[in-house]
PDB file of N, CA and C in Angstrom:
ATOM      1  N   MET A   1      20.557 -18.608 -31.378  1.00  0.00           N
ATOM      2  CA  MET A   1      20.441 -19.057 -32.758  1.00  0.00           C
ATOM      3  C   MET A   1      19.068 -19.654 -33.020  1.00  0.00           C
ATOM      4  N   LEU A   2      18.577 -19.422 -34.201  1.00  0.00           N
ATOM      5  CA  LEU A   2      17.301 -19.971 -34.624  1.00  0.00           C
ATOM      6  C   LEU A   2      17.577 -21.206 -35.462  1.00  0.00           C
ATOM      7  N   ALA A   3      16.898 -22.302 -35.148  1.00  0.00           N
ATOM      8  CA  ALA A   3      17.099 -23.531 -35.911  1.00  0.00           C
ATOM      9  C   ALA A   3      15.875 -23.797 -36.762  1.00  0.00           C
ATOM     10  N   MET A   4      16.094 -23.956 -38.048  1.00  0.00           N
ATOM     11  CA  MET A   4      15.043 -24.340 -38.987  1.00  0.00           C
ATOM     12  C   MET A   4      15.664 -25.280 -39.990  1.00  0.00           C
ATOM     13  N   ALA A   5      14.823 -26.051 -40.602  1.00  0.00           N
ATOM     14  CA  ALA A   5      15.293 -27.008 -41.606  1.00  0.00           C
ATOM     15  C   ALA A   5      16.358 -27.896 -40.979  1.00  0.00           C
ATOM     16  N   ASN A   6      17.489 -28.018 -41.641  1.00  0.00           N
ATOM     17  CA  ASN A   6      18.516 -28.935 -41.180  1.00  0.00           C
ATOM     18  C   ASN A   6      19.685 -28.231 -40.517  1.00  0.00           C
ATOM     19  N   ARG A   7      19.563 -26.941 -40.232  1.00  0.00           N
ATOM     20  CA  ARG A   7      20.680 -26.232 -39.612  1.00  0.00           C
ATOM     21  C   ARG A   7      20.180 -25.059 -38.785  1.00  0.00           C
ATOM     22  N   ALA A   8      21.065 -24.540 -37.956  1.00  0.00           N
ATOM     23  CA  ALA A   8      20.752 -23.364 -37.150  1.00  0.00           C
ATOM     24  C   ALA A   8      21.264 -22.124 -37.881  1.00  0.00           C
ATOM     25  N   TYR A   9      20.550 -21.017 -37.743  1.00  0.00           N
ATOM     26  CA  TYR A   9      20.940 -19.766 -38.376  1.00  0.00           C
ATOM     27  C   TYR A   9      21.571 -18.858 -37.317  1.00  0.00           C
ATOM     28  N   SER A  10      22.637 -18.170 -37.681  1.00  0.00           N
ATOM     29  CA  SER A  10      23.294 -17.248 -36.761  1.00  0.00           C
ATOM     30  C   SER A  10      22.480 -15.963 -36.659  1.00  0.00           C
ATOM     31  N   ASP A  11      22.761 -15.191 -35.635  1.00  0.00           N
ATOM     32  CA  ASP A  11      22.097 -13.896 -35.487  1.00  0.00           C
ATOM     33  C   ASP A  11      22.369 -13.010 -36.701  1.00  0.00           C
ATOM     34  N   ALA A  12      23.592 -13.051 -37.214  1.00  0.00           N
ATOM     35  CA  ALA A  12      23.944 -12.235 -38.383  1.00  0.00           C
ATOM     36  C   ALA A  12      23.128 -12.656 -39.611  1.00  0.00           C
ATOM     37  N   GLU A  13      22.942 -13.959 -39.799  1.00  0.00           N
ATOM     38  CA  GLU A  13      22.145 -14.438 -40.931  1.00  0.00           C
ATOM     39  C   GLU A  13      20.688 -14.006 -40.787  1.00  0.00           C
ATOM     40  N   ILE A  14      20.173 -14.089 -39.586  1.00  0.00           N
ATOM     41  CA  ILE A  14      18.789 -13.672 -39.337  1.00  0.00           C
ATOM     42  C   ILE A  14      18.645 -12.180 -39.578  1.00  0.00           C
ATOM     43  N   ASP A  15      19.595 -11.380 -39.056  1.00  0.00           N
ATOM     44  CA  ASP A  15      19.547  -9.932 -39.257  1.00  0.00           C
ATOM     45  C   ASP A  15      19.601  -9.580 -40.745  1.00  0.00           C
ATOM     46  N   ALA A  16      20.465 -10.258 -41.503  1.00  0.00           N
ATOM     47  CA  ALA A  16      20.576  -9.997 -42.944  1.00  0.00           C
ATOM     48  C   ALA A  16      19.288 -10.382 -43.668  1.00  0.00           C
ATOM     49  N   ALA A  17      18.696 -11.496 -43.281  1.00  0.00           N
ATOM     50  CA  ALA A  17      17.453 -11.939 -43.914  1.00  0.00           C
ATOM     51  C   ALA A  17      16.322 -10.962 -43.622  1.00  0.00           C
ATOM     52  N   VAL A  18      16.231 -10.493 -42.387  1.00  0.00           N
ATOM     53  CA  VAL A  18      15.193  -9.522 -42.027  1.00  0.00           C
ATOM     54  C   VAL A  18      15.421  -8.223 -42.797  1.00  0.00           C
ATOM     55  N   ALA A  19      16.675  -7.783 -42.888  1.00  0.00           N
ATOM     56  CA  ALA A  19      16.987  -6.555 -43.631  1.00  0.00           C
ATOM     57  C   ALA A  19      16.605  -6.691 -45.103  1.00  0.00           C
ATOM     58  N   SER A  20      16.751  -7.888 -45.656  1.00  0.00           N
ATOM     59  CA  SER A  20      16.419  -8.084 -47.070  1.00  0.00           C
ATOM     60  C   SER A  20      14.924  -7.924 -47.334  1.00  0.00           C
ATOM     61  N   LEU A  21      14.131  -8.016 -46.293  1.00  0.00           N
ATOM     62  CA  LEU A  21      12.690  -7.835 -46.464  1.00  0.00           C
ATOM     63  C   LEU A  21      12.332  -6.404 -46.841  1.00  0.00           C
ATOM     64  N   ALA A  22      13.269  -5.487 -46.695  1.00  0.00           N
ATOM     65  CA  ALA A  22      13.032  -4.104 -47.109  1.00  0.00           C
ATOM     66  C   ALA A  22      12.967  -3.988 -48.631  1.00  0.00           C
ATOM     67  N   ASP A  23      13.456  -4.997 -49.336  1.00  0.00           N
ATOM     68  CA  ASP A  23      13.384  -5.018 -50.794  1.00  0.00           C
ATOM     69  C   ASP A  23      11.912  -5.155 -51.193  1.00  0.00           C
ATOM     70  N   ALA A  24      11.406  -4.145 -51.882  1.00  0.00           N
ATOM     71  CA  ALA A  24       9.972  -4.092 -52.213  1.00  0.00           C
ATOM     72  C   ALA A  24       9.512  -5.311 -53.009  1.00  0.00           C
ATOM     73  N   GLU A  25      10.321  -5.795 -53.935  1.00  0.00           N
ATOM     74  CA  GLU A  25       9.925  -6.944 -54.759  1.00  0.00           C
ATOM     75  C   GLU A  25       9.795  -8.208 -53.915  1.00  0.00           C
ATOM     76  N   ARG A  26      10.765  -8.429 -53.033  1.00  0.00           N
ATOM     77  CA  ARG A  26      10.712  -9.611 -52.160  1.00  0.00           C
ATOM     78  C   ARG A  26       9.496  -9.561 -51.262  1.00  0.00           C
ATOM     79  N   LEU A  27       9.239  -8.395 -50.703  1.00  0.00           N
ATOM     80  CA  LEU A  27       8.093  -8.249 -49.810  1.00  0.00           C
ATOM     81  C   LEU A  27       6.793  -8.435 -50.586  1.00  0.00           C
ATOM     82  N   ARG A  28       6.735  -7.928 -51.821  1.00  0.00           N
ATOM     83  CA  ARG A  28       5.529  -8.096 -52.640  1.00  0.00           C
ATOM     84  C   ARG A  28       5.245  -9.569 -52.883  1.00  0.00           C
ATOM     85  N   GLU A  29       6.286 -10.332 -53.189  1.00  0.00           N
ATOM     86  CA  GLU A  29       6.111 -11.765 -53.413  1.00  0.00           C
ATOM     87  C   GLU A  29       5.594 -12.454 -52.151  1.00  0.00           C
ATOM     88  N   ALA A  30       6.143 -12.089 -51.010  1.00  0.00           N
ATOM     89  CA  ALA A  30       5.694 -12.675 -49.742  1.00  0.00           C
ATOM     90  C   ALA A  30       4.247 -12.291 -49.463  1.00  0.00           C
ATOM     91  N   GLN A  31       3.891 -11.047 -49.737  1.00  0.00           N
ATOM     92  CA  GLN A  31       2.514 -10.596 -49.515  1.00  0.00           C
ATOM     93  C   GLN A  31       1.540 -11.345 -50.418  1.00  0.00           C
ATOM     94  N   GLU A  32       1.939 -11.594 -51.658  1.00  0.00           N
ATOM     95  CA  GLU A  32       1.080 -12.351 -52.573  1.00  0.00           C
ATOM     96  C   GLU A  32       0.873 -13.778 -52.074  1.00  0.00           C
ATOM     97  N   LEU A  33       1.937 -14.401 -51.581  1.00  0.00           N
ATOM     98  CA  LEU A  33       1.833 -15.755 -51.035  1.00  0.00           C
ATOM     99  C   LEU A  33       0.880 -15.772 -49.843  1.00  0.00           C
ATOM    100  N   VAL A  34       1.046 -14.811 -48.943  1.00  0.00           N
ATOM    101  CA  VAL A  34       0.189 -14.746 -47.761  1.00  0.00           C
ATOM    102  C   VAL A  34      -1.260 -14.466 -48.162  1.00  0.00           C
ATOM    103  N   ALA A  35      -1.457 -13.598 -49.143  1.00  0.00           N
ATOM    104  CA  ALA A  35      -2.824 -13.291 -49.587  1.00  0.00           C
ATOM    105  C   ALA A  35      -3.519 -14.542 -50.114  1.00  0.00           C
ATOM    106  N   ARG A  36      -2.782 -15.382 -50.860  1.00  0.00           N
ATOM    107  CA  ARG A  36      -3.371 -16.622 -51.381  1.00  0.00           C
ATOM    108  C   ARG A  36      -3.723 -17.573 -50.250  1.00  0.00           C
ATOM    109  N   ALA A  37      -2.906 -17.575 -49.211  1.00  0.00           N
ATOM    110  CA  ALA A  37      -3.107 -18.525 -48.116  1.00  0.00           C
ATOM    111  C   ALA A  37      -3.880 -17.921 -46.946  1.00  0.00           C
ATOM    112  N   ALA A  38      -4.283 -16.656 -47.039  1.00  0.00           N
ATOM    113  CA  ALA A  38      -4.864 -15.942 -45.905  1.00  0.00           C
ATOM    114  C   ALA A  38      -6.020 -16.660 -45.214  1.00  0.00           C
ATOM    115  N   PRO A  39      -7.024 -17.153 -45.939  1.00  0.00           N
ATOM    116  CA  PRO A  39      -8.128 -17.800 -45.214  1.00  0.00           C
ATOM    117  C   PRO A  39      -7.670 -19.004 -44.378  1.00  0.00           C
ATOM    118  N   SER A  40      -6.829 -19.821 -44.939  1.00  0.00           N
ATOM    119  CA  SER A  40      -6.333 -20.983 -44.196  1.00  0.00           C
ATOM    120  C   SER A  40      -5.440 -20.552 -43.049  1.00  0.00           C
ATOM    121  N   LEU A  41      -4.577 -19.565 -43.299  1.00  0.00           N
ATOM    122  CA  LEU A  41      -3.686 -19.088 -42.239  1.00  0.00           C
ATOM    123  C   LEU A  41      -4.479 -18.450 -41.100  1.00  0.00           C
ATOM    124  N   GLN A  42      -5.560 -17.766 -41.424  1.00  0.00           N
ATOM    125  CA  GLN A  42      -6.407 -17.156 -40.388  1.00  0.00           C
ATOM    126  C   GLN A  42      -6.976 -18.227 -39.469  1.00  0.00           C
ATOM    127  N   ARG A  43      -7.421 -19.332 -40.042  1.00  0.00           N
ATOM    128  CA  ARG A  43      -7.964 -20.425 -39.223  1.00  0.00           C
ATOM    129  C   ARG A  43      -6.873 -21.010 -38.325  1.00  0.00           C
ATOM    130  N   VAL A  44      -5.683 -21.196 -38.871  1.00  0.00           N
ATOM    131  CA  VAL A  44      -4.574 -21.739 -38.077  1.00  0.00           C
ATOM    132  C   VAL A  44      -4.217 -20.776 -36.947  1.00  0.00           C
ATOM    133  N   LEU A  45      -4.136 -19.492 -37.259  1.00  0.00           N
ATOM    134  CA  LEU A  45      -3.808 -18.481 -36.248  1.00  0.00           C
ATOM    135  C   LEU A  45      -4.869 -18.437 -35.158  1.00  0.00           C
ATOM    136  N   ASN A  46      -6.134 -18.423 -35.547  1.00  0.00           N
ATOM    137  CA  ASN A  46      -7.213 -18.408 -34.545  1.00  0.00           C
ATOM    138  C   ASN A  46      -7.155 -19.635 -33.643  1.00  0.00           C
ATOM    139  N   THR A  47      -6.907 -20.786 -34.227  1.00  0.00           N
ATOM    140  CA  THR A  47      -6.811 -22.021 -33.447  1.00  0.00           C
ATOM    141  C   THR A  47      -5.630 -21.951 -32.491  1.00  0.00           C
ATOM    142  N   ALA A  48      -4.473 -21.488 -32.990  1.00  0.00           N
ATOM    143  CA  ALA A  48      -3.282 -21.396 -32.144  1.00  0.00           C
ATOM    144  C   ALA A  48      -3.501 -20.428 -30.986  1.00  0.00           C
ATOM    145  N   LEU A  49      -4.097 -19.290 -31.254  1.00  0.00           N
ATOM    146  CA  LEU A  49      -4.360 -18.317 -30.191  1.00  0.00           C
ATOM    147  C   LEU A  49      -5.356 -18.861 -29.176  1.00  0.00           C
ATOM    148  N   SER A  50      -6.377 -19.523 -29.667  1.00  0.00           N
ATOM    149  CA  SER A  50      -7.400 -20.082 -28.785  1.00  0.00           C
ATOM    150  C   SER A  50      -6.837 -21.213 -27.931  1.00  0.00           C
ATOM    151  N   GLN A  51      -6.147 -22.142 -28.564  1.00  0.00           N
ATOM    152  CA  GLN A  51      -5.602 -23.279 -27.832  1.00  0.00           C
ATOM    153  C   GLN A  51      -4.477 -22.870 -26.896  1.00  0.00           C
ATOM    154  N   GLY A  52      -3.800 -21.778 -27.235  1.00  0.00           N
ATOM    155  CA  GLY A  52      -2.710 -21.292 -26.389  1.00  0.00           C
ATOM    156  C   GLY A  52      -3.204 -20.546 -25.160  1.00  0.00           C
ATOM    157  N   GLY A  53      -4.511 -20.378 -25.056  1.00  0.00           N
ATOM    158  CA  GLY A  53      -5.075 -19.706 -23.888  1.00  0.00           C
ATOM    159  C   GLY A  53      -4.955 -18.194 -23.939  1.00  0.00           C
ATOM    160  N   TRP A  54      -4.635 -17.650 -25.124  1.00  0.00           N
ATOM    161  CA  TRP A  54      -4.447 -16.213 -25.217  1.00  0.00           C
ATOM    162  C   TRP A  54      -5.761 -15.455 -25.330  1.00  0.00           C
ATOM    163  N   PHE A  55      -6.817 -16.152 -25.659  1.00  0.00           N
ATOM    164  CA  PHE A  55      -8.130 -15.523 -25.707  1.00  0.00           C
ATOM    165  C   PHE A  55      -9.069 -16.344 -24.856  1.00  0.00           C
ATOM    166  N   GLY A  56     -10.200 -15.795 -24.536  1.00  0.00           N
ATOM    167  CA  GLY A  56     -11.130 -16.464 -23.641  1.00  0.00           C
ATOM    168  C   GLY A  56     -11.411 -15.563 -22.457  1.00  0.00           C
ATOM    169  N   ASP A  57     -11.539 -16.166 -21.286  1.00  0.00           N
ATOM    170  CA  ASP A  57     -11.916 -15.408 -20.088  1.00  0.00           C
ATOM    171  C   ASP A  57     -10.937 -14.288 -19.754  1.00  0.00           C
ATOM    172  N   VAL A  58      -9.641 -14.571 -19.836  1.00  0.00           N
ATOM    173  CA  VAL A  58      -8.643 -13.552 -19.503  1.00  0.00           C
ATOM    174  C   VAL A  58      -8.747 -12.378 -20.469  1.00  0.00           C
ATOM    175  N   HIS A  59      -8.901 -12.690 -21.733  1.00  0.00           N
ATOM    176  CA  HIS A  59      -9.044 -11.640 -22.746  1.00  0.00           C
ATOM    177  C   HIS A  59     -10.315 -10.829 -22.497  1.00  0.00           C
ATOM    178  N   ASP A  60     -11.403 -11.519 -22.236  1.00  0.00           N
ATOM    179  CA  ASP A  60     -12.673 -10.838 -21.963  1.00  0.00           C
ATOM    180  C   ASP A  60     -12.549  -9.909 -20.757  1.00  0.00           C
ATOM    181  N   GLN A  61     -11.856 -10.352 -19.722  1.00  0.00           N
ATOM    182  CA  GLN A  61     -11.646  -9.518 -18.528  1.00  0.00           C
ATOM    183  C   GLN A  61     -10.823  -8.276 -18.864  1.00  0.00           C
ATOM    184  N   ALA A  62      -9.789  -8.444 -19.698  1.00  0.00           N
ATOM    185  CA  ALA A  62      -8.947  -7.311 -20.085  1.00  0.00           C
ATOM    186  C   ALA A  62      -9.741  -6.301 -20.914  1.00  0.00           C
ATOM    187  N   VAL A  63     -10.573  -6.788 -21.822  1.00  0.00           N
ATOM    188  CA  VAL A  63     -11.422  -5.897 -22.625  1.00  0.00           C
ATOM    189  C   VAL A  63     -12.394  -5.149 -21.714  1.00  0.00           C
ATOM    190  N   HIS A  64     -13.027  -5.875 -20.803  1.00  0.00           N
ATOM    191  CA  HIS A  64     -13.982  -5.261 -19.867  1.00  0.00           C
ATOM    192  C   HIS A  64     -13.299  -4.198 -19.008  1.00  0.00           C
ATOM    193  N   ALA A  65     -12.112  -4.498 -18.504  1.00  0.00           N
ATOM    194  CA  ALA A  65     -11.391  -3.549 -17.661  1.00  0.00           C
ATOM    195  C   ALA A  65     -11.006  -2.300 -18.452  1.00  0.00           C
ATOM    196  N   ALA A  66     -10.532  -2.491 -19.678  1.00  0.00           N
ATOM    197  CA  ALA A  66     -10.126  -1.346 -20.499  1.00  0.00           C
ATOM    198  C   ALA A  66     -11.325  -0.481 -20.862  1.00  0.00           C
ATOM    199  N   ALA A  67     -12.412  -1.114 -21.276  1.00  0.00           N
ATOM    200  CA  ALA A  67     -13.607  -0.367 -21.686  1.00  0.00           C
ATOM    201  C   ALA A  67     -14.307   0.285 -20.508  1.00  0.00           C
ATOM    202  N   GLY A  68     -14.156  -0.301 -19.337  1.00  0.00           N
ATOM    203  CA  GLY A  68     -14.854   0.206 -18.162  1.00  0.00           C
ATOM    204  C   GLY A  68     -14.104   1.265 -17.391  1.00  0.00           C
ATOM    205  N   GLU A  69     -12.925   1.636 -17.859  1.00  0.00           N
ATOM    206  CA  GLU A  69     -12.126   2.658 -17.177  1.00  0.00           C
ATOM    207  C   GLU A  69     -12.918   3.966 -17.166  1.00  0.00           C
ATOM    208  N   ASP A  70     -13.085   4.571 -15.978  1.00  0.00           N
ATOM    209  CA  ASP A  70     -13.899   5.787 -15.847  1.00  0.00           C
ATOM    210  C   ASP A  70     -13.267   7.008 -16.516  1.00  0.00           C
ATOM    211  N   ASP A  71     -11.992   7.199 -16.316  1.00  0.00           N
ATOM    212  CA  ASP A  71     -11.303   8.355 -16.870  1.00  0.00           C
ATOM    213  C   ASP A  71     -11.051   8.133 -18.364  1.00  0.00           C
ATOM    214  N   LEU A  72     -11.487   9.082 -19.196  1.00  0.00           N
ATOM    215  CA  LEU A  72     -11.373   8.937 -20.646  1.00  0.00           C
ATOM    216  C   LEU A  72      -9.922   8.753 -21.082  1.00  0.00           C
ATOM    217  N   ALA A  73      -9.014   9.529 -20.545  1.00  0.00           N
ATOM    218  CA  ALA A  73      -7.607   9.430 -20.933  1.00  0.00           C
ATOM    219  C   ALA A  73      -7.048   8.061 -20.555  1.00  0.00           C
ATOM    220  N   GLN A  74      -7.378   7.586 -19.357  1.00  0.00           N
ATOM    221  CA  GLN A  74      -6.903   6.273 -18.924  1.00  0.00           C
ATOM    222  C   GLN A  74      -7.549   5.160 -19.749  1.00  0.00           C
ATOM    223  N   ARG A  75      -8.820   5.339 -20.135  1.00  0.00           N
ATOM    224  CA  ARG A  75      -9.500   4.350 -20.973  1.00  0.00           C
ATOM    225  C   ARG A  75      -8.809   4.240 -22.333  1.00  0.00           C
ATOM    226  N   LYS A  76      -8.451   5.397 -22.918  1.00  0.00           N
ATOM    227  CA  LYS A  76      -7.750   5.393 -24.202  1.00  0.00           C
ATOM    228  C   LYS A  76      -6.407   4.673 -24.085  1.00  0.00           C
ATOM    229  N   VAL A  77      -5.680   4.929 -23.016  1.00  0.00           N
ATOM    230  CA  VAL A  77      -4.380   4.269 -22.814  1.00  0.00           C
ATOM    231  C   VAL A  77      -4.585   2.768 -22.645  1.00  0.00           C
ATOM    232  N   ALA A  78      -5.575   2.376 -21.848  1.00  0.00           N
ATOM    233  CA  ALA A  78      -5.829   0.951 -21.601  1.00  0.00           C
ATOM    234  C   ALA A  78      -6.228   0.233 -22.883  1.00  0.00           C
ATOM    235  N   ILE A  79      -7.087   0.854 -23.684  1.00  0.00           N
ATOM    236  CA  ILE A  79      -7.524   0.235 -24.934  1.00  0.00           C
ATOM    237  C   ILE A  79      -6.363   0.187 -25.928  1.00  0.00           C
ATOM    238  N   SER A  80      -5.596   1.275 -26.037  1.00  0.00           N
ATOM    239  CA  SER A  80      -4.439   1.287 -26.934  1.00  0.00           C
ATOM    240  C   SER A  80      -3.427   0.218 -26.538  1.00  0.00           C
ATOM    241  N   THR A  81      -3.197   0.059 -25.250  1.00  0.00           N
ATOM    242  CA  THR A  81      -2.268  -0.957 -24.759  1.00  0.00           C
ATOM    243  C   THR A  81      -2.771  -2.351 -25.102  1.00  0.00           C
ATOM    244  N   LEU A  82      -4.057  -2.598 -24.898  1.00  0.00           N
ATOM    245  CA  LEU A  82      -4.645  -3.893 -25.204  1.00  0.00           C
ATOM    246  C   LEU A  82      -4.529  -4.206 -26.696  1.00  0.00           C
ATOM    247  N   VAL A  83      -4.829  -3.231 -27.542  1.00  0.00           N
ATOM    248  CA  VAL A  83      -4.726  -3.431 -28.989  1.00  0.00           C
ATOM    249  C   VAL A  83      -3.278  -3.711 -29.386  1.00  0.00           C
ATOM    250  N   ALA A  84      -2.329  -2.973 -28.821  1.00  0.00           N
ATOM    251  CA  ALA A  84      -0.911  -3.184 -29.142  1.00  0.00           C
ATOM    252  C   ALA A  84      -0.451  -4.565 -28.692  1.00  0.00           C
ATOM    253  N   GLU A  85      -0.875  -4.982 -27.510  1.00  0.00           N
ATOM    254  CA  GLU A  85      -0.498  -6.311 -27.019  1.00  0.00           C
ATOM    255  C   GLU A  85      -1.081  -7.407 -27.910  1.00  0.00           C
ATOM    256  N   GLU A  86      -2.323  -7.240 -28.328  1.00  0.00           N
ATOM    257  CA  GLU A  86      -2.944  -8.229 -29.210  1.00  0.00           C
ATOM    258  C   GLU A  86      -2.240  -8.267 -30.562  1.00  0.00           C
ATOM    259  N   ALA A  87      -1.852  -7.101 -31.079  1.00  0.00           N
ATOM    260  CA  ALA A  87      -1.139  -7.061 -32.358  1.00  0.00           C
ATOM    261  C   ALA A  87       0.207  -7.778 -32.242  1.00  0.00           C
ATOM    262  N   ARG A  88       0.934  -7.511 -31.162  1.00  0.00           N
ATOM    263  CA  ARG A  88       2.232  -8.175 -30.956  1.00  0.00           C
ATOM    264  C   ARG A  88       2.050  -9.679 -30.834  1.00  0.00           C
ATOM    265  N   LEU A  89       1.060 -10.084 -30.065  1.00  0.00           N
ATOM    266  CA  LEU A  89       0.806 -11.508 -29.877  1.00  0.00           C
ATOM    267  C   LEU A  89       0.431 -12.174 -31.194  1.00  0.00           C
ATOM    268  N   GLY A  90      -0.460 -11.549 -31.947  1.00  0.00           N
ATOM    269  CA  GLY A  90      -0.848 -12.086 -33.248  1.00  0.00           C
ATOM    270  C   GLY A  90       0.335 -12.180 -34.192  1.00  0.00           C
ATOM    271  N   MET A  91       1.207 -11.157 -34.148  1.00  0.00           N
ATOM    272  CA  MET A  91       2.388 -11.177 -34.996  1.00  0.00           C
ATOM    273  C   MET A  91       3.319 -12.321 -34.597  1.00  0.00           C
ATOM    274  N   LEU A  92       3.565 -12.478 -33.307  1.00  0.00           N
ATOM    275  CA  LEU A  92       4.480 -13.535 -32.863  1.00  0.00           C
ATOM    276  C   LEU A  92       3.956 -14.921 -33.204  1.00  0.00           C
ATOM    277  N   VAL A  93       2.674 -15.147 -32.962  1.00  0.00           N
ATOM    278  CA  VAL A  93       2.092 -16.443 -33.303  1.00  0.00           C
ATOM    279  C   VAL A  93       2.078 -16.608 -34.823  1.00  0.00           C
ATOM    280  N   GLY A  94       1.779 -15.517 -35.537  1.00  0.00           N
ATOM    281  CA  GLY A  94       1.788 -15.563 -36.998  1.00  0.00           C
ATOM    282  C   GLY A  94       3.161 -15.892 -37.558  1.00  0.00           C
ATOM    283  N   VAL A  95       4.199 -15.342 -36.959  1.00  0.00           N
ATOM    284  CA  VAL A  95       5.560 -15.651 -37.404  1.00  0.00           C
ATOM    285  C   VAL A  95       5.862 -17.123 -37.148  1.00  0.00           C
ATOM    286  N   ALA A  96       5.455 -17.628 -35.992  1.00  0.00           N
ATOM    287  CA  ALA A  96       5.674 -19.049 -35.694  1.00  0.00           C
ATOM    288  C   ALA A  96       4.959 -19.926 -36.724  1.00  0.00           C
ATOM    289  N   VAL A  97       3.735 -19.552 -37.065  1.00  0.00           N
ATOM    290  CA  VAL A  97       2.990 -20.290 -38.087  1.00  0.00           C
ATOM    291  C   VAL A  97       3.718 -20.191 -39.422  1.00  0.00           C
ATOM    292  N   GLY A  98       4.229 -19.006 -39.748  1.00  0.00           N
ATOM    293  CA  GLY A  98       4.963 -18.822 -40.998  1.00  0.00           C
ATOM    294  C   GLY A  98       6.232 -19.657 -41.056  1.00  0.00           C
ATOM    295  N   PHE A  99       6.958 -19.714 -39.948  1.00  0.00           N
ATOM    296  CA  PHE A  99       8.158 -20.555 -39.904  1.00  0.00           C
ATOM    297  C   PHE A  99       7.791 -22.011 -40.151  1.00  0.00           C
ATOM    298  N   GLU A 100       6.752 -22.456 -39.507  1.00  0.00           N
ATOM    299  CA  GLU A 100       6.356 -23.862 -39.666  1.00  0.00           C
ATOM    300  C   GLU A 100       5.855 -24.122 -41.083  1.00  0.00           C
ATOM    301  N   LEU A 101       5.137 -23.159 -41.665  1.00  0.00           N
ATOM    302  CA  LEU A 101       4.695 -23.292 -43.049  1.00  0.00           C
ATOM    303  C   LEU A 101       5.896 -23.402 -43.979  1.00  0.00           C
ATOM    304  N   ALA A 102       6.892 -22.545 -43.776  1.00  0.00           N
ATOM    305  CA  ALA A 102       8.104 -22.602 -44.607  1.00  0.00           C
ATOM    306  C   ALA A 102       8.818 -23.939 -44.433  1.00  0.00           C
ATOM    307  N   ARG A 103       8.904 -24.406 -43.201  1.00  0.00           N
ATOM    308  CA  ARG A 103       9.563 -25.692 -42.940  1.00  0.00           C
ATOM    309  C   ARG A 103       8.807 -26.822 -43.631  1.00  0.00           C
ATOM    310  N   THR A 104       7.482 -26.775 -43.575  1.00  0.00           N
ATOM    311  CA  THR A 104       6.661 -27.802 -44.213  1.00  0.00           C
ATOM    312  C   THR A 104       6.825 -27.765 -45.727  1.00  0.00           C
ATOM    313  N   LEU A 105       6.785 -26.569 -46.303  1.00  0.00           N
ATOM    314  CA  LEU A 105       6.959 -26.445 -47.755  1.00  0.00           C
ATOM    315  C   LEU A 105       8.350 -26.914 -48.177  1.00  0.00           C
ATOM    316  N   GLU A 106       9.366 -26.543 -47.403  1.00  0.00           N
ATOM    317  CA  GLU A 106      10.726 -26.971 -47.715  1.00  0.00           C
ATOM    318  C   GLU A 106      10.852 -28.493 -47.608  1.00  0.00           C
ATOM    319  N   SER A 107      10.253 -29.069 -46.605  1.00  0.00           N
ATOM    320  CA  SER A 107      10.287 -30.521 -46.422  1.00  0.00           C
ATOM    321  C   SER A 107       9.573 -31.220 -47.568  1.00  0.00           C
ATOM    322  N   ASP A 108       8.424 -30.653 -47.965  1.00  0.00           N
ATOM    323  CA  ASP A 108       7.675 -31.245 -49.090  1.00  0.00           C
ATOM    324  C   ASP A 108       8.488 -31.180 -50.372  1.00  0.00           C
ATOM    325  N   ASP A 109       9.180 -30.041 -50.603  1.00  0.00           N
ATOM    326  CA  ASP A 109      10.025 -29.916 -51.793  1.00  0.00           C
ATOM    327  C   ASP A 109      11.164 -30.919 -51.767  1.00  0.00           C
ATOM    328  N   THR A 110      11.749 -31.100 -50.594  1.00  0.00           N
ATOM    329  CA  THR A 110      12.860 -32.038 -50.452  1.00  0.00           C
ATOM    330  C   THR A 110      12.401 -33.469 -50.714  1.00  0.00           C
ATOM    331  N   SER A 111      11.250 -33.818 -50.168  1.00  0.00           N
ATOM    332  CA  SER A 111      10.777 -35.213 -50.335  1.00  0.00           C
ATOM    333  C   SER A 111      10.351 -35.474 -51.771  1.00  0.00           C
ATOM    334  N   LYS A 112       9.901 -34.466 -52.503  1.00  0.00           N
ATOM    335  CA  LYS A 112       9.524 -34.657 -53.900  1.00  0.00           C
ATOM    336  C   LYS A 112      10.734 -34.911 -54.777  1.00  0.00           C
ATOM    337  N   GLY A 113      11.874 -34.347 -54.360  1.00  0.00           N
ATOM    338  CA  GLY A 113      13.079 -34.520 -55.153  1.00  0.00           C
ATOM    339  C   GLY A 113      13.736 -35.861 -54.976  1.00  0.00           C
ATOM    340  N   GLU A 114      13.267 -36.634 -54.029  1.00  0.00           N
ATOM    341  CA  GLU A 114      13.885 -37.931 -53.757  1.00  0.00           C
ATOM    342  C   GLU A 114      13.277 -39.028 -54.577  1.00  0.00           C
TER     343      GLU A 114
END
């Protein structure tokens, strides 16, 4: 179960919420919100990735190894794998940032109503 706000969400609730993202209007609204916040969110994401140790020497070594692969086919696979791993990592950290942003906004809304 995922816990946010003041309660935990069941797997079924999470699955239904994710499925609702297929609604073009809902997704458009979310994209507009992210577009407005993109510069600030980019800084938060970069900081989280950097502080989490996901980039730096290890990343540089992985890039060097992928780019330095002698066989062209193996180099393409290594680079594609590295790009896919970075995309997944960025997405996961981005989702965590998004959850915390939603929690913060919800908390701010709650405290304003008091």
